[in-house]
Amino acid sequence: MTARVITCFHAPQSCTACRGSGGSTTTETVNGVTRSQWQSCDACNGSGQR
């Protein structure tokens, strides 16, 4: 089990881990084929703010 503690006492801030968006696009190349996958930002609960 992984425990993550995120404490926020201020107004919502943009999620720097996701560059202010609800997620990030990861690109992987397998056998010369490039695929882009959208990953929601767990650190921001899928939103652009925290």
PDB file of N, CA and C in Angstrom:
ATOM      1  N   MET A   1       0.845  -1.184   0.000  1.00  0.00           N
ATOM      2  CA  MET A   1       0.000   0.000   0.000  1.00  0.00           C
ATOM      3  C   MET A   1       0.884   1.239   0.000  1.00  0.00           C
ATOM      4  N   THR A   2       0.557   2.168  -0.845  1.00  0.00           N
ATOM      5  CA  THR A   2       1.336   3.392  -0.933  1.00  0.00           C
ATOM      6  C   THR A   2       0.531   4.536  -0.341  1.00  0.00           C
ATOM      7  N   ALA A   3       1.113   5.229   0.573  1.00  0.00           N
ATOM      8  CA  ALA A   3       0.422   6.347   1.211  1.00  0.00           C
ATOM      9  C   ALA A   3       0.961   7.650   0.659  1.00  0.00           C
ATOM     10  N   ARG A   4       0.029   8.483   0.209  1.00  0.00           N
ATOM     11  CA  ARG A   4       0.427   9.791  -0.280  1.00  0.00           C
ATOM     12  C   ARG A   4      -0.300  10.845   0.533  1.00  0.00           C
ATOM     13  N   VAL A   5       0.439  11.775   1.044  1.00  0.00           N
ATOM     14  CA  VAL A   5      -0.169  12.824   1.850  1.00  0.00           C
ATOM     15  C   VAL A   5      -0.119  14.119   1.062  1.00  0.00           C
ATOM     16  N   ILE A   6      -1.292  14.642   0.768  1.00  0.00           N
ATOM     17  CA  ILE A   6      -1.365  15.913   0.048  1.00  0.00           C
ATOM     18  C   ILE A   6      -2.169  16.870   0.915  1.00  0.00           C
ATOM     19  N   THR A   7      -1.505  17.872   1.435  1.00  0.00           N
ATOM     20  CA  THR A   7      -2.199  18.834   2.278  1.00  0.00           C
ATOM     21  C   THR A   7      -2.294  20.148   1.544  1.00  0.00           C
ATOM     22  N   CYS A   8      -3.477  20.707   1.538  1.00  0.00           N
ATOM     23  CA  CYS A   8      -3.694  21.972   0.859  1.00  0.00           C
ATOM     24  C   CYS A   8      -4.496  22.873   1.775  1.00  0.00           C
ATOM     25  N   PHE A   9      -3.912  23.983   2.124  1.00  0.00           N
ATOM     26  CA  PHE A   9      -4.624  24.922   2.978  1.00  0.00           C
ATOM     27  C   PHE A   9      -4.865  26.236   2.246  1.00  0.00           C
ATOM     28  N   HIS A  10      -4.397  26.343   1.028  1.00  0.00           N
ATOM     29  CA  HIS A  10      -4.554  27.601   0.307  1.00  0.00           C
ATOM     30  C   HIS A  10      -5.666  27.470  -0.726  1.00  0.00           C
ATOM     31  N   ALA A  11      -5.820  28.525  -1.487  1.00  0.00           N
ATOM     32  CA  ALA A  11      -6.750  28.497  -2.613  1.00  0.00           C
ATOM     33  C   ALA A  11      -6.226  27.506  -3.636  1.00  0.00           C
ATOM     34  N   PRO A  12      -7.098  27.025  -4.514  1.00  0.00           N
ATOM     35  CA  PRO A  12      -6.667  26.046  -5.525  1.00  0.00           C
ATOM     36  C   PRO A  12      -5.485  26.551  -6.338  1.00  0.00           C
ATOM     37  N   GLN A  13      -4.523  25.689  -6.517  1.00  0.00           N
ATOM     38  CA  GLN A  13      -3.355  26.024  -7.320  1.00  0.00           C
ATOM     39  C   GLN A  13      -3.351  25.132  -8.547  1.00  0.00           C
ATOM     40  N   SER A  14      -2.760  25.632  -9.612  1.00  0.00           N
ATOM     41  CA  SER A  14      -2.650  24.773 -10.780  1.00  0.00           C
ATOM     42  C   SER A  14      -1.715  23.625 -10.455  1.00  0.00           C
ATOM     43  N   CYS A  15      -1.992  22.480 -11.030  1.00  0.00           N
ATOM     44  CA  CYS A  15      -1.211  21.293 -10.712  1.00  0.00           C
ATOM     45  C   CYS A  15       0.041  21.274 -11.567  1.00  0.00           C
ATOM     46  N   THR A  16       1.166  21.586 -10.956  1.00  0.00           N
ATOM     47  CA  THR A  16       2.407  21.647 -11.731  1.00  0.00           C
ATOM     48  C   THR A  16       2.817  20.272 -12.221  1.00  0.00           C
ATOM     49  N   ALA A  17       2.400  19.235 -11.497  1.00  0.00           N
ATOM     50  CA  ALA A  17       2.770  17.889 -11.913  1.00  0.00           C
ATOM     51  C   ALA A  17       2.133  17.549 -13.253  1.00  0.00           C
ATOM     52  N   CYS A  18       1.003  18.202 -13.546  1.00  0.00           N
ATOM     53  CA  CYS A  18       0.302  17.934 -14.810  1.00  0.00           C
ATOM     54  C   CYS A  18       0.310  19.158 -15.698  1.00  0.00           C
ATOM     55  N   ARG A  19       1.178  20.090 -15.388  1.00  0.00           N
ATOM     56  CA  ARG A  19       1.274  21.325 -16.176  1.00  0.00           C
ATOM     57  C   ARG A  19      -0.062  22.058 -16.224  1.00  0.00           C
ATOM     58  N   GLY A  20      -0.770  22.080 -15.112  1.00  0.00           N
ATOM     59  CA  GLY A  20      -2.004  22.852 -15.028  1.00  0.00           C
ATOM     60  C   GLY A  20      -3.184  22.222 -15.733  1.00  0.00           C
ATOM     61  N   SER A  21      -3.056  20.972 -16.151  1.00  0.00           N
ATOM     62  CA  SER A  21      -4.175  20.304 -16.806  1.00  0.00           C
ATOM     63  C   SER A  21      -4.594  19.102 -15.979  1.00  0.00           C
ATOM     64  N   GLY A  22      -5.642  18.448 -16.411  1.00  0.00           N
ATOM     65  CA  GLY A  22      -6.161  17.311 -15.656  1.00  0.00           C
ATOM     66  C   GLY A  22      -5.380  16.036 -15.885  1.00  0.00           C
ATOM     67  N   GLY A  23      -4.344  16.125 -16.669  1.00  0.00           N
ATOM     68  CA  GLY A  23      -3.556  14.932 -16.936  1.00  0.00           C
ATOM     69  C   GLY A  23      -2.388  15.262 -17.822  1.00  0.00           C
ATOM     70  N   SER A  24      -1.731  14.243 -18.281  1.00  0.00           N
ATOM     71  CA  SER A  24      -0.593  14.459 -19.164  1.00  0.00           C
ATOM     72  C   SER A  24      -0.577  13.385 -20.236  1.00  0.00           C
ATOM     73  N   THR A  25       0.015  13.722 -21.348  1.00  0.00           N
ATOM     74  CA  THR A  25       0.102  12.768 -22.445  1.00  0.00           C
ATOM     75  C   THR A  25       1.472  12.115 -22.427  1.00  0.00           C
ATOM     76  N   THR A  26       1.479  10.803 -22.365  1.00  0.00           N
ATOM     77  CA  THR A  26       2.744  10.083 -22.403  1.00  0.00           C
ATOM     78  C   THR A  26       2.892   9.437 -23.768  1.00  0.00           C
ATOM     79  N   THR A  27       4.076   9.510 -24.308  1.00  0.00           N
ATOM     80  CA  THR A  27       4.342   8.934 -25.621  1.00  0.00           C
ATOM     81  C   THR A  27       5.337   7.798 -25.475  1.00  0.00           C
ATOM     82  N   GLU A  28       4.989   6.660 -26.022  1.00  0.00           N
ATOM     83  CA  GLU A  28       5.915   5.534 -25.982  1.00  0.00           C
ATOM     84  C   GLU A  28       6.071   4.965 -27.376  1.00  0.00           C
ATOM     85  N   THR A  29       7.263   4.527 -27.690  1.00  0.00           N
ATOM     86  CA  THR A  29       7.536   3.957 -28.999  1.00  0.00           C
ATOM     87  C   THR A  29       7.843   2.474 -28.839  1.00  0.00           C
ATOM     88  N   VAL A  30       7.031   1.655 -29.496  1.00  0.00           N
ATOM     89  CA  VAL A  30       7.214   0.209 -29.424  1.00  0.00           C
ATOM     90  C   VAL A  30       7.358  -0.325 -30.840  1.00  0.00           C
ATOM     91  N   ASN A  31       8.476  -0.947 -31.112  1.00  0.00           N
ATOM     92  CA  ASN A  31       8.734  -1.520 -32.439  1.00  0.00           C
ATOM     93  C   ASN A  31       8.558  -0.492 -33.549  1.00  0.00           C
ATOM     94  N   GLY A  32       8.998   0.735 -33.289  1.00  0.00           N
ATOM     95  CA  GLY A  32       8.926   1.772 -34.305  1.00  0.00           C
ATOM     96  C   GLY A  32       7.565   2.421 -34.419  1.00  0.00           C
ATOM     97  N   VAL A  33       6.619   2.005 -33.572  1.00  0.00           N
ATOM     98  CA  VAL A  33       5.285   2.606 -33.607  1.00  0.00           C
ATOM     99  C   VAL A  33       5.135   3.501 -32.383  1.00  0.00           C
ATOM    100  N   THR A  34       4.803   4.756 -32.640  1.00  0.00           N
ATOM    101  CA  THR A  34       4.667   5.708 -31.540  1.00  0.00           C
ATOM    102  C   THR A  34       3.209   5.808 -31.127  1.00  0.00           C
ATOM    103  N   ARG A  35       2.974   5.623 -29.853  1.00  0.00           N
ATOM    104  CA  ARG A  35       1.611   5.713 -29.334  1.00  0.00           C
ATOM    105  C   ARG A  35       1.544   6.810 -28.286  1.00  0.00           C
ATOM    106  N   SER A  36       0.454   7.541 -28.292  1.00  0.00           N
ATOM    107  CA  SER A  36       0.240   8.557 -27.267  1.00  0.00           C
ATOM    108  C   SER A  36      -0.901   8.108 -26.378  1.00  0.00           C
ATOM    109  N   GLN A  37      -0.674   8.179 -25.087  1.00  0.00           N
ATOM    110  CA  GLN A  37      -1.716   7.798 -24.146  1.00  0.00           C
ATOM    111  C   GLN A  37      -1.969   8.947 -23.197  1.00  0.00           C
ATOM    112  N   TRP A  38      -3.252   9.146 -22.878  1.00  0.00           N
ATOM    113  CA  TRP A  38      -3.608  10.197 -21.935  1.00  0.00           C
ATOM    114  C   TRP A  38      -3.722   9.588 -20.555  1.00  0.00           C
ATOM    115  N   GLN A  39      -3.006  10.158 -19.600  1.00  0.00           N
ATOM    116  CA  GLN A  39      -3.087   9.686 -18.229  1.00  0.00           C
ATOM    117  C   GLN A  39      -3.652  10.802 -17.369  1.00  0.00           C
ATOM    118  N   SER A  40      -4.710  10.479 -16.630  1.00  0.00           N
ATOM    119  CA  SER A  40      -5.262  11.485 -15.737  1.00  0.00           C
ATOM    120  C   SER A  40      -4.298  11.710 -14.583  1.00  0.00           C
ATOM    121  N   CYS A  41      -4.342  12.882 -14.030  1.00  0.00           N
ATOM    122  CA  CYS A  41      -3.389  13.234 -12.987  1.00  0.00           C
ATOM    123  C   CYS A  41      -3.915  12.805 -11.626  1.00  0.00           C
ATOM    124  N   ASP A  42      -3.347  11.733 -11.081  1.00  0.00           N
ATOM    125  CA  ASP A  42      -3.779  11.252  -9.773  1.00  0.00           C
ATOM    126  C   ASP A  42      -3.463  12.279  -8.684  1.00  0.00           C
ATOM    127  N   ALA A  43      -2.366  12.972  -8.852  1.00  0.00           N
ATOM    128  CA  ALA A  43      -1.959  13.935  -7.829  1.00  0.00           C
ATOM    129  C   ALA A  43      -2.967  15.073  -7.715  1.00  0.00           C
ATOM    130  N   CYS A  44      -3.697  15.319  -8.794  1.00  0.00           N
ATOM    131  CA  CYS A  44      -4.677  16.410  -8.802  1.00  0.00           C
ATOM    132  C   CYS A  44      -6.088  15.861  -8.850  1.00  0.00           C
ATOM    133  N   ASN A  45      -6.243  14.583  -8.585  1.00  0.00           N
ATOM    134  CA  ASN A  45      -7.563  13.954  -8.617  1.00  0.00           C
ATOM    135  C   ASN A  45      -8.240  14.141  -9.967  1.00  0.00           C
ATOM    136  N   GLY A  46      -7.463  14.129 -11.017  1.00  0.00           N
ATOM    137  CA  GLY A  46      -8.014  14.229 -12.363  1.00  0.00           C
ATOM    138  C   GLY A  46      -8.426  15.624 -12.764  1.00  0.00           C
ATOM    139  N   SER A  47      -8.098  16.612 -11.941  1.00  0.00           N
ATOM    140  CA  SER A  47      -8.448  17.978 -12.299  1.00  0.00           C
ATOM    141  C   SER A  47      -7.181  18.797 -12.482  1.00  0.00           C
ATOM    142  N   GLY A  48      -7.343  19.991 -12.970  1.00  0.00           N
ATOM    143  CA  GLY A  48      -6.175  20.829 -13.201  1.00  0.00           C
ATOM    144  C   GLY A  48      -5.772  21.620 -11.979  1.00  0.00           C
ATOM    145  N   GLN A  49      -6.500  21.413 -10.877  1.00  0.00           N
ATOM    146  CA  GLN A  49      -6.187  22.168  -9.672  1.00  0.00           C
ATOM    147  C   GLN A  49      -6.088  21.238  -8.485  1.00  0.00           C
ATOM    148  N   ARG A  50      -5.491  21.746  -7.434  1.00  0.00           N
ATOM    149  CA  ARG A  50      -5.433  20.949  -6.208  1.00  0.00           C
ATOM    150  C   ARG A  50      -5.607  21.867  -5.009  1.00  0.00           C
TER     151      ARG A  50
END
